[in-house]
Amino acid sequence: HKFTSKNTTLTEIVREPFVFQEKGSSLREKLVSLCKIYNVNKPIVGLQINGFNETIRTVIEGNGVTFVSSLEVNEYIARG
């Protein structure tokens, strides 16, 4: 992905289509709040997926970006 191994701003990231879990998920709400705090446009909702594992698989397949804890994806990171 073009953001791999580089520092990226919130403004750059929110221009990408996001893969979100259902409306009301804590991660989604935190990202929207960050955008308000830093006066950045809201993220583009590319896909809305039910379930964490499905969200991760969708991003791995190249269908957008998302935010997750590195602890939750260490296994995927280790595998490259």
PDB file of N, CA and C in Angstrom:
ATOM      1  N   HIS A   1       0.829  -1.180   0.000  1.00  0.00           N
ATOM      2  CA  HIS A   1       0.000   0.000   0.000  1.00  0.00           C
ATOM      3  C   HIS A   1       0.871   1.240   0.000  1.00  0.00           C
ATOM      4  N   LYS A   2       0.387   2.308  -0.596  1.00  0.00           N
ATOM      5  CA  LYS A   2       1.213   3.507  -0.731  1.00  0.00           C
ATOM      6  C   LYS A   2       1.571   4.164   0.593  1.00  0.00           C
ATOM      7  N   PHE A   3       0.862   3.850   1.666  1.00  0.00           N
ATOM      8  CA  PHE A   3       1.188   4.437   2.968  1.00  0.00           C
ATOM      9  C   PHE A   3       2.145   3.571   3.788  1.00  0.00           C
ATOM     10  N   THR A   4       2.493   2.412   3.290  1.00  0.00           N
ATOM     11  CA  THR A   4       3.384   1.521   4.022  1.00  0.00           C
ATOM     12  C   THR A   4       4.737   2.178   4.223  1.00  0.00           C
ATOM     13  N   SER A   5       5.224   2.105   5.446  1.00  0.00           N
ATOM     14  CA  SER A   5       6.563   2.591   5.801  1.00  0.00           C
ATOM     15  C   SER A   5       6.772   4.074   5.542  1.00  0.00           C
ATOM     16  N   LYS A   6       5.732   4.869   5.713  1.00  0.00           N
ATOM     17  CA  LYS A   6       5.923   6.313   5.604  1.00  0.00           C
ATOM     18  C   LYS A   6       4.996   7.019   6.583  1.00  0.00           C
ATOM     19  N   ASN A   7       5.431   8.180   7.032  1.00  0.00           N
ATOM     20  CA  ASN A   7       4.575   8.995   7.882  1.00  0.00           C
ATOM     21  C   ASN A   7       3.492   9.609   7.010  1.00  0.00           C
ATOM     22  N   THR A   8       2.271   9.560   7.502  1.00  0.00           N
ATOM     23  CA  THR A   8       1.129  10.023   6.729  1.00  0.00           C
ATOM     24  C   THR A   8       0.271  10.918   7.599  1.00  0.00           C
ATOM     25  N   THR A   9      -0.299  11.938   7.012  1.00  0.00           N
ATOM     26  CA  THR A   9      -1.162  12.839   7.773  1.00  0.00           C
ATOM     27  C   THR A   9      -2.604  12.339   7.740  1.00  0.00           C
ATOM     28  N   LEU A  10      -3.375  12.811   8.691  1.00  0.00           N
ATOM     29  CA  LEU A  10      -4.798  12.478   8.733  1.00  0.00           C
ATOM     30  C   LEU A  10      -5.480  12.970   7.459  1.00  0.00           C
ATOM     31  N   THR A  11      -5.091  14.139   6.984  1.00  0.00           N
ATOM     32  CA  THR A  11      -5.670  14.695   5.758  1.00  0.00           C
ATOM     33  C   THR A  11      -5.451  13.763   4.568  1.00  0.00           C
ATOM     34  N   GLU A  12      -4.261  13.171   4.464  1.00  0.00           N
ATOM     35  CA  GLU A  12      -3.971  12.245   3.365  1.00  0.00           C
ATOM     36  C   GLU A  12      -4.790  10.963   3.490  1.00  0.00           C
ATOM     37  N   ILE A  13      -4.871  10.462   4.693  1.00  0.00           N
ATOM     38  CA  ILE A  13      -5.549   9.182   4.912  1.00  0.00           C
ATOM     39  C   ILE A  13      -7.039   9.270   4.619  1.00  0.00           C
ATOM     40  N   VAL A  14      -7.689  10.357   5.042  1.00  0.00           N
ATOM     41  CA  VAL A  14      -9.144  10.431   4.862  1.00  0.00           C
ATOM     42  C   VAL A  14      -9.553  10.619   3.404  1.00  0.00           C
ATOM     43  N   ARG A  15      -8.612  10.823   2.526  1.00  0.00           N
ATOM     44  CA  ARG A  15      -8.921  10.891   1.090  1.00  0.00           C
ATOM     45  C   ARG A  15      -9.102   9.496   0.488  1.00  0.00           C
ATOM     46  N   GLU A  16      -8.682   8.490   1.220  1.00  0.00           N
ATOM     47  CA  GLU A  16      -8.803   7.106   0.763  1.00  0.00           C
ATOM     48  C   GLU A  16     -10.172   6.549   1.149  1.00  0.00           C
ATOM     49  N   PRO A  17     -10.706   5.598   0.372  1.00  0.00           N
ATOM     50  CA  PRO A  17     -11.954   4.958   0.785  1.00  0.00           C
ATOM     51  C   PRO A  17     -11.712   4.097   2.029  1.00  0.00           C
ATOM     52  N   PHE A  18     -12.523   4.298   3.043  1.00  0.00           N
ATOM     53  CA  PHE A  18     -12.386   3.562   4.296  1.00  0.00           C
ATOM     54  C   PHE A  18     -13.288   2.348   4.321  1.00  0.00           C
ATOM     55  N   VAL A  19     -12.791   1.315   4.953  1.00  0.00           N
ATOM     56  CA  VAL A  19     -13.588   0.132   5.256  1.00  0.00           C
ATOM     57  C   VAL A  19     -13.934   0.261   6.730  1.00  0.00           C
ATOM     58  N   PHE A  20     -15.199   0.471   7.002  1.00  0.00           N
ATOM     59  CA  PHE A  20     -15.658   0.666   8.369  1.00  0.00           C
ATOM     60  C   PHE A  20     -16.504  -0.498   8.822  1.00  0.00           C
ATOM     61  N   GLN A  21     -16.505  -0.674  10.141  1.00  0.00           N
ATOM     62  CA  GLN A  21     -17.489  -1.570  10.723  1.00  0.00           C
ATOM     63  C   GLN A  21     -18.787  -0.777  10.827  1.00  0.00           C
ATOM     64  N   GLU A  22     -19.817  -1.411  11.314  1.00  0.00           N
ATOM     65  CA  GLU A  22     -21.138  -0.815  11.356  1.00  0.00           C
ATOM     66  C   GLU A  22     -21.127   0.578  11.998  1.00  0.00           C
ATOM     67  N   LYS A  23     -22.105   1.386  11.601  1.00  0.00           N
ATOM     68  CA  LYS A  23     -22.256   2.724  12.157  1.00  0.00           C
ATOM     69  C   LYS A  23     -22.378   2.615  13.672  1.00  0.00           C
ATOM     70  N   GLY A  24     -21.686   3.512  14.374  1.00  0.00           N
ATOM     71  CA  GLY A  24     -21.709   3.486  15.829  1.00  0.00           C
ATOM     72  C   GLY A  24     -20.538   2.744  16.441  1.00  0.00           C
ATOM     73  N   SER A  25     -19.703   2.089  15.615  1.00  0.00           N
ATOM     74  CA  SER A  25     -18.542   1.393  16.174  1.00  0.00           C
ATOM     75  C   SER A  25     -17.595   2.422  16.777  1.00  0.00           C
ATOM     76  N   SER A  26     -16.917   2.047  17.847  1.00  0.00           N
ATOM     77  CA  SER A  26     -16.077   3.002  18.574  1.00  0.00           C
ATOM     78  C   SER A  26     -14.942   3.539  17.708  1.00  0.00           C
ATOM     79  N   LEU A  27     -14.341   2.706  16.897  1.00  0.00           N
ATOM     80  CA  LEU A  27     -13.246   3.150  16.037  1.00  0.00           C
ATOM     81  C   LEU A  27     -13.727   4.189  15.028  1.00  0.00           C
ATOM     82  N   ARG A  28     -14.850   3.925  14.441  1.00  0.00           N
ATOM     83  CA  ARG A  28     -15.423   4.860  13.464  1.00  0.00           C
ATOM     84  C   ARG A  28     -15.720   6.195  14.123  1.00  0.00           C
ATOM     85  N   GLU A  29     -16.327   6.160  15.296  1.00  0.00           N
ATOM     86  CA  GLU A  29     -16.665   7.392  16.014  1.00  0.00           C
ATOM     87  C   GLU A  29     -15.416   8.165  16.417  1.00  0.00           C
ATOM     88  N   LYS A  30     -14.359   7.465  16.832  1.00  0.00           N
ATOM     89  CA  LYS A  30     -13.104   8.136  17.200  1.00  0.00           C
ATOM     90  C   LYS A  30     -12.489   8.838  16.002  1.00  0.00           C
ATOM     91  N   LEU A  31     -12.509   8.197  14.848  1.00  0.00           N
ATOM     92  CA  LEU A  31     -11.940   8.804  13.650  1.00  0.00           C
ATOM     93  C   LEU A  31     -12.723  10.054  13.252  1.00  0.00           C
ATOM     94  N   VAL A  32     -14.028   9.982  13.285  1.00  0.00           N
ATOM     95  CA  VAL A  32     -14.854  11.145  12.954  1.00  0.00           C
ATOM     96  C   VAL A  32     -14.583  12.274  13.947  1.00  0.00           C
ATOM     97  N   SER A  33     -14.432  11.940  15.223  1.00  0.00           N
ATOM     98  CA  SER A  33     -14.111  12.947  16.240  1.00  0.00           C
ATOM     99  C   SER A  33     -12.759  13.596  15.977  1.00  0.00           C
ATOM    100  N   LEU A  34     -11.758  12.796  15.626  1.00  0.00           N
ATOM    101  CA  LEU A  34     -10.435  13.343  15.295  1.00  0.00           C
ATOM    102  C   LEU A  34     -10.520  14.309  14.119  1.00  0.00           C
ATOM    103  N   CYS A  35     -11.311  13.957  13.137  1.00  0.00           N
ATOM    104  CA  CYS A  35     -11.469  14.832  11.975  1.00  0.00           C
ATOM    105  C   CYS A  35     -12.077  16.168  12.383  1.00  0.00           C
ATOM    106  N   LYS A  36     -13.052  16.129  13.281  1.00  0.00           N
ATOM    107  CA  LYS A  36     -13.661  17.379  13.763  1.00  0.00           C
ATOM    108  C   LYS A  36     -12.649  18.205  14.544  1.00  0.00           C
ATOM    109  N   ILE A  37     -11.909  17.561  15.436  1.00  0.00           N
ATOM    110  CA  ILE A  37     -10.923  18.260  16.269  1.00  0.00           C
ATOM    111  C   ILE A  37      -9.881  18.958  15.406  1.00  0.00           C
ATOM    112  N   TYR A  38      -9.393  18.282  14.380  1.00  0.00           N
ATOM    113  CA  TYR A  38      -8.322  18.820  13.543  1.00  0.00           C
ATOM    114  C   TYR A  38      -8.830  19.507  12.276  1.00  0.00           C
ATOM    115  N   ASN A  39     -10.143  19.728  12.212  1.00  0.00           N
ATOM    116  CA  ASN A  39     -10.759  20.428  11.081  1.00  0.00           C
ATOM    117  C   ASN A  39     -10.376  19.789   9.740  1.00  0.00           C
ATOM    118  N   VAL A  40     -10.520  18.480   9.689  1.00  0.00           N
ATOM    119  CA  VAL A  40     -10.219  17.689   8.493  1.00  0.00           C
ATOM    120  C   VAL A  40     -11.537  17.112   7.985  1.00  0.00           C
ATOM    121  N   ASN A  41     -11.675  17.009   6.674  1.00  0.00           N
ATOM    122  CA  ASN A  41     -12.888  16.411   6.115  1.00  0.00           C
ATOM    123  C   ASN A  41     -13.123  15.020   6.688  1.00  0.00           C
ATOM    124  N   LYS A  42     -14.393  14.655   6.803  1.00  0.00           N
ATOM    125  CA  LYS A  42     -14.729  13.307   7.268  1.00  0.00           C
ATOM    126  C   LYS A  42     -14.203  12.282   6.265  1.00  0.00           C
ATOM    127  N   PRO A  43     -13.887  11.079   6.755  1.00  0.00           N
ATOM    128  CA  PRO A  43     -13.389  10.040   5.845  1.00  0.00           C
ATOM    129  C   PRO A  43     -14.452   9.602   4.842  1.00  0.00           C
ATOM    130  N   ILE A  44     -13.977   9.140   3.706  1.00  0.00           N
ATOM    131  CA  ILE A  44     -14.849   8.602   2.665  1.00  0.00           C
ATOM    132  C   ILE A  44     -15.214   7.173   3.059  1.00  0.00           C
ATOM    133  N   VAL A  45     -16.493   6.883   3.136  1.00  0.00           N
ATOM    134  CA  VAL A  45     -16.921   5.516   3.452  1.00  0.00           C
ATOM    135  C   VAL A  45     -16.944   4.728   2.148  1.00  0.00           C
ATOM    136  N   GLY A  46     -15.953   3.850   1.985  1.00  0.00           N
ATOM    137  CA  GLY A  46     -15.892   3.008   0.793  1.00  0.00           C
ATOM    138  C   GLY A  46     -16.786   1.794   0.937  1.00  0.00           C
ATOM    139  N   LEU A  47     -16.650   1.128   2.074  1.00  0.00           N
ATOM    140  CA  LEU A  47     -17.444  -0.062   2.377  1.00  0.00           C
ATOM    141  C   LEU A  47     -17.786  -0.075   3.852  1.00  0.00           C
ATOM    142  N   GLN A  48     -18.935  -0.632   4.151  1.00  0.00           N
ATOM    143  CA  GLN A  48     -19.320  -0.843   5.546  1.00  0.00           C
ATOM    144  C   GLN A  48     -19.497  -2.338   5.735  1.00  0.00           C
ATOM    145  N   ILE A  49     -18.724  -2.893   6.657  1.00  0.00           N
ATOM    146  CA  ILE A  49     -18.666  -4.340   6.859  1.00  0.00           C
ATOM    147  C   ILE A  49     -19.109  -4.666   8.283  1.00  0.00           C
ATOM    148  N   ASN A  50     -19.787  -5.767   8.451  1.00  0.00           N
ATOM    149  CA  ASN A  50     -20.124  -6.242   9.788  1.00  0.00           C
ATOM    150  C   ASN A  50     -19.076  -7.254  10.215  1.00  0.00           C
ATOM    151  N   GLY A  51     -18.347  -6.927  11.271  1.00  0.00           N
ATOM    152  CA  GLY A  51     -17.371  -7.861  11.813  1.00  0.00           C
ATOM    153  C   GLY A  51     -15.939  -7.425  11.598  1.00  0.00           C
ATOM    154  N   PHE A  52     -15.144  -7.595  12.653  1.00  0.00           N
ATOM    155  CA  PHE A  52     -13.749  -7.172  12.631  1.00  0.00           C
ATOM    156  C   PHE A  52     -12.924  -7.962  11.625  1.00  0.00           C
ATOM    157  N   ASN A  53     -13.008  -9.286  11.664  1.00  0.00           N
ATOM    158  CA  ASN A  53     -12.207 -10.123  10.759  1.00  0.00           C
ATOM    159  C   ASN A  53     -12.532  -9.852   9.294  1.00  0.00           C
ATOM    160  N   GLU A  54     -13.804  -9.633   9.004  1.00  0.00           N
ATOM    161  CA  GLU A  54     -14.206  -9.324   7.639  1.00  0.00           C
ATOM    162  C   GLU A  54     -13.629  -7.981   7.200  1.00  0.00           C
ATOM    163  N   THR A  55     -13.583  -7.024   8.122  1.00  0.00           N
ATOM    164  CA  THR A  55     -12.998  -5.713   7.826  1.00  0.00           C
ATOM    165  C   THR A  55     -11.530  -5.856   7.473  1.00  0.00           C
ATOM    166  N   ILE A  56     -10.794  -6.607   8.282  1.00  0.00           N
ATOM    167  CA  ILE A  56      -9.365  -6.806   8.044  1.00  0.00           C
ATOM    168  C   ILE A  56      -9.140  -7.495   6.700  1.00  0.00           C
ATOM    169  N   ARG A  57      -9.901  -8.538   6.413  1.00  0.00           N
ATOM    170  CA  ARG A  57      -9.737  -9.249   5.136  1.00  0.00           C
ATOM    171  C   ARG A  57     -10.013  -8.331   3.946  1.00  0.00           C
ATOM    172  N   THR A  58     -11.013  -7.494   4.077  1.00  0.00           N
ATOM    173  CA  THR A  58     -11.358  -6.568   3.001  1.00  0.00           C
ATOM    174  C   THR A  58     -10.221  -5.591   2.729  1.00  0.00           C
ATOM    175  N   VAL A  59      -9.583  -5.100   3.786  1.00  0.00           N
ATOM    176  CA  VAL A  59      -8.443  -4.188   3.623  1.00  0.00           C
ATOM    177  C   VAL A  59      -7.246  -4.929   3.028  1.00  0.00           C
ATOM    178  N   ILE A  60      -6.980  -6.129   3.505  1.00  0.00           N
ATOM    179  CA  ILE A  60      -5.867  -6.925   2.969  1.00  0.00           C
ATOM    180  C   ILE A  60      -6.048  -7.157   1.468  1.00  0.00           C
ATOM    181  N   GLU A  61      -7.289  -7.327   1.039  1.00  0.00           N
ATOM    182  CA  GLU A  61      -7.577  -7.543  -0.383  1.00  0.00           C
ATOM    183  C   GLU A  61      -7.439  -6.264  -1.207  1.00  0.00           C
ATOM    184  N   GLY A  62      -7.149  -5.137  -0.549  1.00  0.00           N
ATOM    185  CA  GLY A  62      -6.911  -3.890  -1.268  1.00  0.00           C
ATOM    186  C   GLY A  62      -8.133  -3.034  -1.512  1.00  0.00           C
ATOM    187  N   ASN A  63      -9.185  -3.253  -0.724  1.00  0.00           N
ATOM    188  CA  ASN A  63     -10.437  -2.536  -0.938  1.00  0.00           C
ATOM    189  C   ASN A  63     -10.623  -1.317  -0.049  1.00  0.00           C
ATOM    190  N   GLY A  64      -9.543  -0.701   0.383  1.00  0.00           N
ATOM    191  CA  GLY A  64      -9.642   0.503   1.201  1.00  0.00           C
ATOM    192  C   GLY A  64      -8.688   0.452   2.371  1.00  0.00           C
ATOM    193  N   VAL A  65      -8.863   1.400   3.274  1.00  0.00           N
ATOM    194  CA  VAL A  65      -8.028   1.499   4.470  1.00  0.00           C
ATOM    195  C   VAL A  65      -8.916   1.483   5.701  1.00  0.00           C
ATOM    196  N   THR A  66      -8.303   1.240   6.853  1.00  0.00           N
ATOM    197  CA  THR A  66      -9.022   1.302   8.117  1.00  0.00           C
ATOM    198  C   THR A  66      -8.014   1.549   9.219  1.00  0.00           C
ATOM    199  N   PHE A  67      -8.490   1.829  10.402  1.00  0.00           N
ATOM    200  CA  PHE A  67      -7.646   1.955  11.581  1.00  0.00           C
ATOM    201  C   PHE A  67      -7.952   0.806  12.514  1.00  0.00           C
ATOM    202  N   VAL A  68      -6.907   0.146  12.995  1.00  0.00           N
ATOM    203  CA  VAL A  68      -7.045  -0.916  13.987  1.00  0.00           C
ATOM    204  C   VAL A  68      -5.843  -0.851  14.917  1.00  0.00           C
ATOM    205  N   SER A  69      -5.967  -1.478  16.047  1.00  0.00           N
ATOM    206  CA  SER A  69      -4.846  -1.594  16.968  1.00  0.00           C
ATOM    207  C   SER A  69      -3.815  -2.549  16.382  1.00  0.00           C
ATOM    208  N   SER A  70      -2.542  -2.195  16.492  1.00  0.00           N
ATOM    209  CA  SER A  70      -1.495  -3.097  15.991  1.00  0.00           C
ATOM    210  C   SER A  70      -1.523  -4.432  16.726  1.00  0.00           C
ATOM    211  N   LEU A  71      -1.985  -4.439  17.962  1.00  0.00           N
ATOM    212  CA  LEU A  71      -2.084  -5.691  18.719  1.00  0.00           C
ATOM    213  C   LEU A  71      -3.051  -6.667  18.057  1.00  0.00           C
ATOM    214  N   GLU A  72      -4.066  -6.116  17.397  1.00  0.00           N
ATOM    215  CA  GLU A  72      -5.071  -6.972  16.771  1.00  0.00           C
ATOM    216  C   GLU A  72      -4.625  -7.533  15.426  1.00  0.00           C
ATOM    217  N   VAL A  73      -3.595  -6.951  14.847  1.00  0.00           N
ATOM    218  CA  VAL A  73      -3.165  -7.408  13.525  1.00  0.00           C
ATOM    219  C   VAL A  73      -1.700  -7.837  13.478  1.00  0.00           C
ATOM    220  N   ASN A  74      -1.082  -8.038  14.636  1.00  0.00           N
ATOM    221  CA  ASN A  74       0.327  -8.458  14.676  1.00  0.00           C
ATOM    222  C   ASN A  74       0.590  -9.696  13.832  1.00  0.00           C
ATOM    223  N   GLU A  75      -0.307 -10.644  13.877  1.00  0.00           N
ATOM    224  CA  GLU A  75      -0.142 -11.884  13.109  1.00  0.00           C
ATOM    225  C   GLU A  75      -0.069 -11.585  11.608  1.00  0.00           C
ATOM    226  N   TYR A  76      -0.946 -10.724  11.128  1.00  0.00           N
ATOM    227  CA  TYR A  76      -0.943 -10.356   9.709  1.00  0.00           C
ATOM    228  C   TYR A  76       0.325  -9.587   9.344  1.00  0.00           C
ATOM    229  N   ILE A  77       0.754  -8.695  10.225  1.00  0.00           N
ATOM    230  CA  ILE A  77       1.964  -7.904   9.989  1.00  0.00           C
ATOM    231  C   ILE A  77       3.180  -8.818   9.907  1.00  0.00           C
ATOM    232  N   ALA A  78       3.252  -9.782  10.808  1.00  0.00           N
ATOM    233  CA  ALA A  78       4.384 -10.713  10.828  1.00  0.00           C
ATOM    234  C   ALA A  78       4.470 -11.525   9.536  1.00  0.00           C
ATOM    235  N   ARG A  79       3.311 -11.821   8.955  1.00  0.00           N
ATOM    236  CA  ARG A  79       3.277 -12.598   7.713  1.00  0.00           C
ATOM    237  C   ARG A  79       3.516 -11.745   6.472  1.00  0.00           C
ATOM    238  N   GLY A  80       3.516 -10.413   6.663  1.00  0.00           N
ATOM    239  CA  GLY A  80       3.771  -9.509   5.533  1.00  0.00           C
ATOM    240  C   GLY A  80       2.529  -9.200   4.794  1.00  0.00           C
TER     241      GLY A  80
END
